[in-house]
Amino acid sequence: MTAFTWTIDDLSRNTDDGGVFTAYWKCVATDGVNTVEASGSQSFIYDASSSGFVSYADLTEQIVLSWLSNDLRVDTENGLSVNVFEAGVADPASGLPW
């Protein structure tokens, strides 16, 4: 079973209103023996006047992680699962049998 740990490494924000427009994330996957990671960024469009707006000063890592799209999470975790599996192959080879 592969375990995934998501973190936010940095944020880009508008200093005028405290709105975050980009989150830089990392996901580490491990099966207890092999560990691989992926990182990237996701941009956001925000409305500082909306009732759901959270200013930079009030953010937690959990809030920002909840903003990452589900598709991003699924695609990243699926890809890392394959990479963890491949890292555990004892004697990898490539080529064609003909």
N, C-alpha and C. Protein backbone atom coordinates (compact mmCIF):
# COMPACT_ATOMS: atom_id res chain seq x y z
N MET A 1 0.85 -1.18 0.00
CA MET A 1 0.00 0.00 0.00
C MET A 1 0.89 1.24 0.00
N THR A 2 0.59 2.15 -0.87
CA THR A 2 1.37 3.38 -0.98
C THR A 2 0.72 4.48 -0.15
N ALA A 3 1.53 5.18 0.65
CA ALA A 3 1.06 6.32 1.45
C ALA A 3 1.52 7.61 0.78
N PHE A 4 0.66 8.61 0.81
CA PHE A 4 0.94 9.90 0.18
C PHE A 4 0.93 11.00 1.23
N THR A 5 1.92 11.90 1.14
CA THR A 5 1.97 13.06 2.02
C THR A 5 2.05 14.31 1.16
N TRP A 6 1.04 15.16 1.28
CA TRP A 6 0.97 16.40 0.52
C TRP A 6 1.39 17.57 1.41
N THR A 7 2.20 18.47 0.85
CA THR A 7 2.59 19.68 1.56
C THR A 7 2.54 20.87 0.61
N ILE A 8 2.43 22.04 1.19
CA ILE A 8 2.52 23.28 0.43
C ILE A 8 3.87 23.89 0.76
N ASP A 9 4.69 24.12 -0.27
CA ASP A 9 6.04 24.63 -0.08
C ASP A 9 6.15 26.15 -0.16
N ASP A 10 5.21 26.78 -0.88
CA ASP A 10 5.28 28.23 -1.03
C ASP A 10 3.95 28.73 -1.58
N LEU A 11 3.71 30.02 -1.42
CA LEU A 11 2.52 30.67 -1.95
C LEU A 11 2.91 31.98 -2.61
N SER A 12 2.24 32.31 -3.70
CA SER A 12 2.36 33.64 -4.30
C SER A 12 1.06 34.37 -4.03
N ARG A 13 1.18 35.63 -3.60
CA ARG A 13 -0.01 36.36 -3.18
C ARG A 13 0.06 37.82 -3.63
N ASN A 14 -1.09 38.44 -3.61
CA ASN A 14 -1.24 39.86 -3.86
C ASN A 14 -1.12 40.56 -2.51
N THR A 15 -0.12 41.41 -2.34
CA THR A 15 0.08 42.07 -1.05
C THR A 15 -0.97 43.15 -0.77
N ASP A 16 -1.69 43.58 -1.80
CA ASP A 16 -2.72 44.60 -1.58
C ASP A 16 -3.91 44.05 -0.81
N ASP A 17 -4.36 42.84 -1.14
CA ASP A 17 -5.55 42.30 -0.49
C ASP A 17 -5.33 40.96 0.21
N GLY A 18 -4.11 40.41 0.14
CA GLY A 18 -3.81 39.15 0.81
C GLY A 18 -4.33 37.93 0.08
N GLY A 19 -4.74 38.09 -1.16
CA GLY A 19 -5.25 36.96 -1.93
C GLY A 19 -4.13 36.10 -2.50
N VAL A 20 -4.25 34.80 -2.36
CA VAL A 20 -3.26 33.86 -2.89
C VAL A 20 -3.66 33.48 -4.31
N PHE A 21 -2.72 33.58 -5.24
CA PHE A 21 -3.03 33.21 -6.62
C PHE A 21 -2.26 32.00 -7.12
N THR A 22 -1.24 31.52 -6.41
CA THR A 22 -0.53 30.30 -6.78
C THR A 22 -0.04 29.58 -5.53
N ALA A 23 -0.25 28.27 -5.51
CA ALA A 23 0.30 27.42 -4.45
C ALA A 23 1.29 26.46 -5.08
N TYR A 24 2.43 26.31 -4.45
CA TYR A 24 3.48 25.38 -4.89
C TYR A 24 3.44 24.18 -3.95
N TRP A 25 3.16 23.01 -4.51
CA TRP A 25 2.90 21.82 -3.71
C TRP A 25 3.95 20.74 -3.95
N LYS A 26 3.98 19.78 -3.03
CA LYS A 26 4.81 18.59 -3.18
C LYS A 26 4.02 17.41 -2.65
N CYS A 27 4.16 16.28 -3.31
CA CYS A 27 3.54 15.04 -2.86
C CYS A 27 4.64 13.97 -2.79
N VAL A 28 4.78 13.36 -1.62
CA VAL A 28 5.75 12.29 -1.41
C VAL A 28 4.97 10.99 -1.26
N ALA A 29 5.39 9.98 -2.00
CA ALA A 29 4.75 8.66 -1.96
C ALA A 29 5.76 7.64 -1.48
N THR A 30 5.31 6.76 -0.59
CA THR A 30 6.20 5.69 -0.11
C THR A 30 5.41 4.42 0.12
N ASP A 31 6.09 3.30 -0.13
CA ASP A 31 5.50 2.00 0.18
C ASP A 31 6.17 1.40 1.41
N GLY A 32 6.94 2.22 2.12
CA GLY A 32 7.67 1.76 3.29
C GLY A 32 9.11 1.40 2.98
N VAL A 33 9.40 1.17 1.69
CA VAL A 33 10.76 0.84 1.25
C VAL A 33 11.24 1.87 0.23
N ASN A 34 10.41 2.12 -0.77
CA ASN A 34 10.75 3.05 -1.85
C ASN A 34 9.97 4.34 -1.68
N THR A 35 10.65 5.46 -1.96
CA THR A 35 10.02 6.78 -1.84
C THR A 35 10.27 7.57 -3.11
N VAL A 36 9.22 8.19 -3.63
CA VAL A 36 9.32 9.05 -4.80
C VAL A 36 8.50 10.31 -4.51
N GLU A 37 8.75 11.34 -5.27
CA GLU A 37 8.00 12.58 -5.05
C GLU A 37 7.74 13.31 -6.36
N ALA A 38 6.74 14.16 -6.30
CA ALA A 38 6.41 15.04 -7.42
C ALA A 38 6.10 16.41 -6.83
N SER A 39 6.32 17.44 -7.62
CA SER A 39 6.00 18.78 -7.17
C SER A 39 5.48 19.58 -8.34
N GLY A 40 4.80 20.65 -8.02
CA GLY A 40 4.25 21.50 -9.06
C GLY A 40 3.56 22.70 -8.46
N SER A 41 2.72 23.32 -9.23
CA SER A 41 1.99 24.48 -8.76
C SER A 41 0.58 24.45 -9.31
N GLN A 42 -0.29 25.12 -8.60
CA GLN A 42 -1.65 25.31 -9.08
C GLN A 42 -2.02 26.76 -8.86
N SER A 43 -2.57 27.37 -9.90
CA SER A 43 -2.99 28.77 -9.82
C SER A 43 -4.47 28.87 -9.51
N PHE A 44 -4.85 29.99 -8.90
CA PHE A 44 -6.23 30.23 -8.50
C PHE A 44 -6.67 31.61 -8.94
N ILE A 45 -7.95 31.72 -9.19
CA ILE A 45 -8.58 33.02 -9.39
C ILE A 45 -9.45 33.25 -8.16
N TYR A 46 -9.28 34.36 -7.50
CA TYR A 46 -10.04 34.62 -6.28
C TYR A 46 -10.78 35.94 -6.38
N ASP A 47 -11.76 36.09 -5.51
CA ASP A 47 -12.53 37.32 -5.39
C ASP A 47 -12.45 37.76 -3.94
N ALA A 48 -11.66 38.79 -3.67
CA ALA A 48 -11.45 39.25 -2.30
C ALA A 48 -12.73 39.74 -1.64
N SER A 49 -13.77 40.00 -2.41
CA SER A 49 -15.03 40.48 -1.83
C SER A 49 -16.03 39.34 -1.55
N SER A 50 -15.67 38.12 -1.91
CA SER A 50 -16.61 37.01 -1.70
C SER A 50 -16.59 36.57 -0.24
N SER A 51 -17.67 35.93 0.17
CA SER A 51 -17.79 35.49 1.57
C SER A 51 -16.84 34.35 1.90
N GLY A 52 -16.39 33.59 0.90
CA GLY A 52 -15.50 32.47 1.14
C GLY A 52 -14.02 32.84 1.06
N PHE A 53 -13.71 34.10 0.83
CA PHE A 53 -12.33 34.54 0.70
C PHE A 53 -11.58 34.36 2.02
N VAL A 54 -10.37 33.79 1.94
CA VAL A 54 -9.51 33.65 3.12
C VAL A 54 -8.22 34.42 2.83
N SER A 55 -7.94 35.41 3.64
CA SER A 55 -6.75 36.22 3.48
C SER A 55 -5.50 35.44 3.85
N TYR A 56 -4.39 35.83 3.27
CA TYR A 56 -3.10 35.17 3.50
C TYR A 56 -2.81 34.98 4.99
N ALA A 57 -3.06 35.99 5.79
CA ALA A 57 -2.74 35.93 7.22
C ALA A 57 -3.56 34.87 7.96
N ASP A 58 -4.70 34.48 7.40
CA ASP A 58 -5.58 33.53 8.06
C ASP A 58 -5.47 32.11 7.50
N LEU A 59 -4.59 31.91 6.55
CA LEU A 59 -4.47 30.59 5.91
C LEU A 59 -3.73 29.59 6.78
N THR A 60 -4.11 28.33 6.59
CA THR A 60 -3.34 27.20 7.13
C THR A 60 -2.98 26.31 5.95
N GLU A 61 -2.03 25.42 6.17
CA GLU A 61 -1.67 24.51 5.10
C GLU A 61 -2.86 23.65 4.70
N GLN A 62 -3.67 23.24 5.65
CA GLN A 62 -4.83 22.41 5.34
C GLN A 62 -5.84 23.14 4.45
N ILE A 63 -6.03 24.43 4.68
CA ILE A 63 -6.94 25.20 3.83
C ILE A 63 -6.42 25.22 2.39
N VAL A 64 -5.13 25.51 2.22
CA VAL A 64 -4.58 25.60 0.87
C VAL A 64 -4.59 24.22 0.20
N LEU A 65 -4.28 23.17 0.94
CA LEU A 65 -4.35 21.82 0.37
C LEU A 65 -5.76 21.51 -0.13
N SER A 66 -6.76 22.01 0.56
CA SER A 66 -8.15 21.76 0.13
C SER A 66 -8.48 22.47 -1.18
N TRP A 67 -7.70 23.46 -1.54
CA TRP A 67 -7.93 24.17 -2.79
C TRP A 67 -7.39 23.42 -4.00
N LEU A 68 -6.47 22.48 -3.80
CA LEU A 68 -5.91 21.74 -4.94
C LEU A 68 -7.00 20.90 -5.59
N SER A 69 -7.02 20.90 -6.89
CA SER A 69 -8.09 20.20 -7.60
C SER A 69 -8.01 18.70 -7.37
N ASN A 70 -9.16 18.07 -7.34
CA ASN A 70 -9.23 16.63 -7.18
C ASN A 70 -8.52 15.92 -8.33
N ASP A 71 -8.67 16.43 -9.55
CA ASP A 71 -8.00 15.83 -10.71
C ASP A 71 -6.49 15.85 -10.54
N LEU A 72 -5.95 16.96 -10.03
CA LEU A 72 -4.52 17.06 -9.78
C LEU A 72 -4.08 16.00 -8.78
N ARG A 73 -4.83 15.86 -7.70
CA ARG A 73 -4.49 14.88 -6.67
C ARG A 73 -4.53 13.45 -7.21
N VAL A 74 -5.60 13.11 -7.92
CA VAL A 74 -5.74 11.75 -8.46
C VAL A 74 -4.65 11.45 -9.47
N ASP A 75 -4.42 12.36 -10.40
CA ASP A 75 -3.39 12.13 -11.42
C ASP A 75 -2.00 12.01 -10.80
N THR A 76 -1.69 12.87 -9.84
CA THR A 76 -0.38 12.83 -9.19
C THR A 76 -0.21 11.52 -8.43
N GLU A 77 -1.20 11.14 -7.64
CA GLU A 77 -1.09 9.91 -6.85
C GLU A 77 -1.03 8.67 -7.74
N ASN A 78 -1.78 8.65 -8.83
CA ASN A 78 -1.70 7.51 -9.75
C ASN A 78 -0.31 7.40 -10.36
N GLY A 79 0.25 8.52 -10.80
CA GLY A 79 1.58 8.50 -11.37
C GLY A 79 2.64 8.09 -10.37
N LEU A 80 2.54 8.59 -9.15
CA LEU A 80 3.51 8.23 -8.13
C LEU A 80 3.39 6.77 -7.73
N SER A 81 2.18 6.23 -7.75
CA SER A 81 2.00 4.80 -7.44
C SER A 81 2.79 3.94 -8.42
N VAL A 82 2.74 4.30 -9.69
CA VAL A 82 3.50 3.57 -10.71
C VAL A 82 4.99 3.73 -10.45
N ASN A 83 5.43 4.93 -10.11
CA ASN A 83 6.85 5.17 -9.86
C ASN A 83 7.35 4.40 -8.64
N VAL A 84 6.53 4.31 -7.61
CA VAL A 84 6.91 3.53 -6.42
C VAL A 84 7.04 2.06 -6.80
N PHE A 85 6.10 1.56 -7.58
CA PHE A 85 6.16 0.17 -8.03
C PHE A 85 7.43 -0.08 -8.84
N GLU A 86 7.70 0.80 -9.79
CA GLU A 86 8.88 0.64 -10.64
C GLU A 86 10.18 0.72 -9.83
N ALA A 87 10.18 1.56 -8.79
CA ALA A 87 11.38 1.67 -7.95
C ALA A 87 11.65 0.37 -7.20
N GLY A 88 10.61 -0.43 -7.00
CA GLY A 88 10.76 -1.68 -6.27
C GLY A 88 11.10 -2.87 -7.14
N VAL A 89 11.15 -2.68 -8.46
CA VAL A 89 11.49 -3.79 -9.36
C VAL A 89 12.98 -4.06 -9.21
N ALA A 90 13.31 -5.31 -8.87
CA ALA A 90 14.69 -5.66 -8.53
C ALA A 90 15.66 -5.55 -9.70
N ASP A 91 15.24 -5.99 -10.88
CA ASP A 91 16.15 -6.04 -12.01
C ASP A 91 15.44 -5.51 -13.25
N PRO A 92 15.26 -4.19 -13.35
CA PRO A 92 14.50 -3.65 -14.47
C PRO A 92 15.25 -3.79 -15.80
N ALA A 93 14.49 -3.95 -16.85
CA ALA A 93 15.05 -4.03 -18.20
C ALA A 93 14.05 -3.43 -19.16
N SER A 94 14.51 -3.01 -20.29
CA SER A 94 13.61 -2.51 -21.33
C SER A 94 14.06 -3.11 -22.66
N GLY A 95 13.23 -2.97 -23.65
CA GLY A 95 13.56 -3.50 -24.96
C GLY A 95 12.39 -4.25 -25.55
N LEU A 96 12.62 -4.86 -26.68
CA LEU A 96 11.59 -5.62 -27.38
C LEU A 96 12.03 -7.06 -27.52
N PRO A 97 11.12 -8.00 -27.49
CA PRO A 97 11.52 -9.40 -27.57
C PRO A 97 11.78 -9.88 -29.01
N TRP A 98 11.68 -9.06 -29.98
CA TRP A 98 11.96 -9.48 -31.37
C TRP A 98 13.12 -8.75 -31.95
